[in-house]
Protein backbone atom coordinates (compact mmCIF):
# COMPACT_ATOMS: atom_id res chain seq x y z
CA MET A 1 11.97 -1.16 17.95
CA LYS A 2 10.48 0.59 14.91
CA ASN A 3 6.49 0.46 14.15
CA ARG A 4 5.49 -1.64 11.12
CA VAL A 5 3.34 0.13 8.54
CA PHE A 6 1.87 -1.27 5.32
CA LEU A 7 1.38 0.92 2.29
CA ASP A 8 -1.43 0.27 -0.30
CA THR A 9 -1.01 0.84 -3.98
CA ASN A 10 -2.62 4.35 -4.36
CA ILE A 11 0.05 5.77 -1.69
CA LEU A 12 2.90 4.63 -4.04
CA ILE A 13 1.09 5.60 -7.10
CA TYR A 14 0.61 9.13 -5.94
CA ALA A 15 4.18 9.43 -4.87
CA LEU A 16 5.57 8.14 -8.09
CA THR A 17 3.48 9.99 -10.65
CA LYS A 18 3.10 13.45 -11.87
CA PRO A 19 -0.42 14.40 -11.63
CA LYS A 20 -2.43 16.26 -14.21
CA VAL A 21 -5.28 17.66 -11.90
CA ALA A 22 -5.25 19.73 -8.84
CA GLU A 23 -6.72 16.86 -6.53
CA ASP A 24 -4.05 14.78 -7.28
CA ILE A 25 -1.04 17.37 -6.98
CA TYR A 26 -2.48 17.78 -3.48
CA LYS A 27 -2.59 13.87 -2.98
CA ARG A 28 0.98 13.60 -4.36
CA ASP A 29 2.15 15.97 -1.72
CA ILE A 30 0.70 14.08 1.09
CA ALA A 31 1.94 10.62 -0.35
CA ILE A 32 5.52 11.94 -0.38
CA LYS A 33 5.57 13.68 2.94
CA LEU A 34 3.92 10.41 4.42
CA LEU A 35 6.56 8.44 2.98
CA GLU A 36 9.13 10.83 4.09
CA ASN A 37 8.19 10.55 7.66
CA LEU A 38 7.45 6.81 7.54
CA ILE A 39 11.09 6.25 6.40
CA GLN A 40 12.52 7.82 9.36
CA GLN A 41 10.41 6.30 11.93
CA ASN A 42 9.15 3.06 10.68
CA ASP A 43 9.63 -0.35 8.93
CA ILE A 44 7.79 -0.13 5.77
CA TYR A 45 6.10 -3.47 4.20
CA ILE A 46 4.25 -4.09 1.08
CA SER A 47 3.03 -7.20 -0.42
CA ILE A 48 3.89 -8.84 -3.73
CA GLN A 49 0.13 -7.89 -4.81
CA ILE A 50 0.98 -4.24 -4.19
CA LEU A 51 4.32 -4.46 -6.20
CA ASN A 52 2.15 -6.07 -9.36
CA GLU A 53 -0.38 -3.34 -8.81
CA VAL A 54 2.07 -0.51 -8.94
CA HIS A 55 3.73 -2.05 -11.92
CA VAL A 56 0.56 -2.78 -14.20
CA ASN A 57 -0.92 0.70 -13.30
CA LEU A 58 2.26 2.60 -14.23
CA VAL A 59 2.49 0.52 -17.57
CA LYS A 60 -1.26 0.71 -18.57
CA LYS A 61 -2.76 3.67 -16.98
CA PHE A 62 0.47 5.96 -17.05
CA LYS A 63 1.72 4.63 -20.19
CA ILE A 64 5.45 4.21 -18.89
CA ASP A 65 7.70 1.78 -20.40
CA ASP A 66 7.82 -1.70 -18.93
CA GLU A 67 11.73 -1.54 -18.22
CA LYS A 68 11.39 2.03 -16.73
CA VAL A 69 8.75 0.76 -14.51
CA PHE A 70 10.86 -2.01 -13.16
CA LYS A 71 13.50 0.24 -12.44
CA THR A 72 11.75 2.76 -10.70
CA ILE A 73 9.84 0.24 -8.45
CA LYS A 74 13.70 -1.22 -8.00
CA ASP A 75 15.22 2.13 -7.04
CA ASN A 76 12.32 3.73 -5.15
CA ILE A 77 9.84 1.22 -3.54
CA LEU A 78 12.22 -1.75 -3.14
CA ALA A 79 14.86 0.70 -1.48
CA ILE A 80 12.21 1.60 1.37
CA ALA A 81 10.17 -1.34 1.77
CA SER A 82 10.19 -5.07 2.55
CA VAL A 83 8.16 -6.91 0.08
CA ASN A 84 6.07 -10.07 1.60
CA ASP A 85 5.12 -12.93 -0.40
CA MET A 86 1.29 -14.35 -0.50
CA SER A 87 0.34 -17.60 0.20
CA PHE A 88 -2.55 -19.88 0.50
CA GLN A 89 -2.85 -18.62 4.28
CA THR A 90 -3.02 -15.29 3.07
CA TYR A 91 -5.86 -16.13 0.76
CA GLN A 92 -7.58 -18.05 3.54
CA ARG A 93 -7.33 -15.21 6.27
CA ALA A 94 -8.68 -12.72 3.36
CA PHE A 95 -11.81 -14.71 2.98
CA LYS A 96 -12.62 -14.52 6.80
CA LEU A 97 -11.55 -10.61 6.82
CA ARG A 98 -13.85 -9.99 3.79
CA LYS A 99 -16.88 -11.44 5.45
CA LYS A 100 -16.11 -10.06 8.95
CA TYR A 101 -15.47 -6.56 7.89
CA ASN A 102 -17.41 -6.24 4.55
CA ILE A 103 -14.39 -5.34 2.32
CA SER A 104 -13.64 -6.10 -1.18
CA TYR A 105 -11.66 -9.08 -2.49
CA TRP A 106 -8.47 -7.12 -3.29
CA ASP A 107 -8.69 -5.19 -0.16
CA SER A 108 -9.34 -8.02 2.01
CA LEU A 109 -5.91 -9.65 0.55
CA VAL A 110 -4.13 -6.13 1.51
CA VAL A 111 -5.53 -6.54 5.07
CA SER A 112 -4.42 -10.03 5.29
CA SER A 113 -0.85 -9.53 4.12
CA SER A 114 -0.62 -6.29 6.43
CA THR A 115 -1.72 -8.56 9.50
CA GLU A 116 0.65 -11.35 8.48
CA SER A 117 3.29 -8.63 8.29
CA ASP A 118 2.46 -7.66 12.07
CA CYS A 119 1.87 -4.13 10.79
CA LYS A 120 0.04 -1.83 13.27
CA THR A 121 -1.03 0.64 10.60
CA LEU A 122 -2.26 0.24 6.75
CA TYR A 123 -2.11 3.40 4.86
CA SER A 124 -4.93 3.38 2.14
CA GLU A 125 -7.10 5.57 0.29
CA ASP A 126 -9.50 3.06 -0.68
CA MET A 127 -10.65 1.41 2.62
CA GLN A 128 -12.74 2.85 5.73
CA ASP A 129 -10.57 5.39 7.61
CA ASN A 130 -9.94 4.38 11.26
CA LEU A 131 -11.20 1.05 10.75
CA ILE A 132 -9.41 -1.45 13.43
CA ILE A 133 -8.92 -4.77 11.98
CA GLU A 134 -8.66 -7.71 14.61
CA ASN A 135 -7.87 -5.11 17.29
CA LYS A 136 -4.20 -4.65 16.09
CA LEU A 137 -4.48 -3.18 12.68
CA GLN A 138 -5.65 0.59 11.93
CA ILE A 139 -6.37 1.53 8.53
CA ILE A 140 -5.73 5.26 7.98
CA ASN A 141 -6.51 7.35 4.86
CA PRO A 142 -3.77 10.00 4.85
CA PHE A 143 -5.89 12.22 2.33
CA LYS A 144 -8.57 12.80 4.74
């Protein structure tokens, strides 16, 4: 059985965009290598929240046409990842996790979705590297 991993928005954004600054070129290379490795050995998960965040960032921040973003997401992200819906239970769990681990509102929803997907690893640039959540989910910052 393959390991289950969860990807945060930033990993996908770096992989899908052409960077303009040196640091982002480095991060893009790491994100692409990470995805190549994960695809071969893991089941990849994201939440509908991640899908929405990727979409809005590509449209607003990167000025990519809405139709092109939809196609890019469909052809690239949906080809490699399972998308989990979010529920009131996701929200409730996020509330508890936010208080217990002192994480932001949006990050707590990502962590909650990760645990609901039974993922062992969450790849994110935004959260504390190597933090263990509920003795079953490890957060890894692949850019460190």
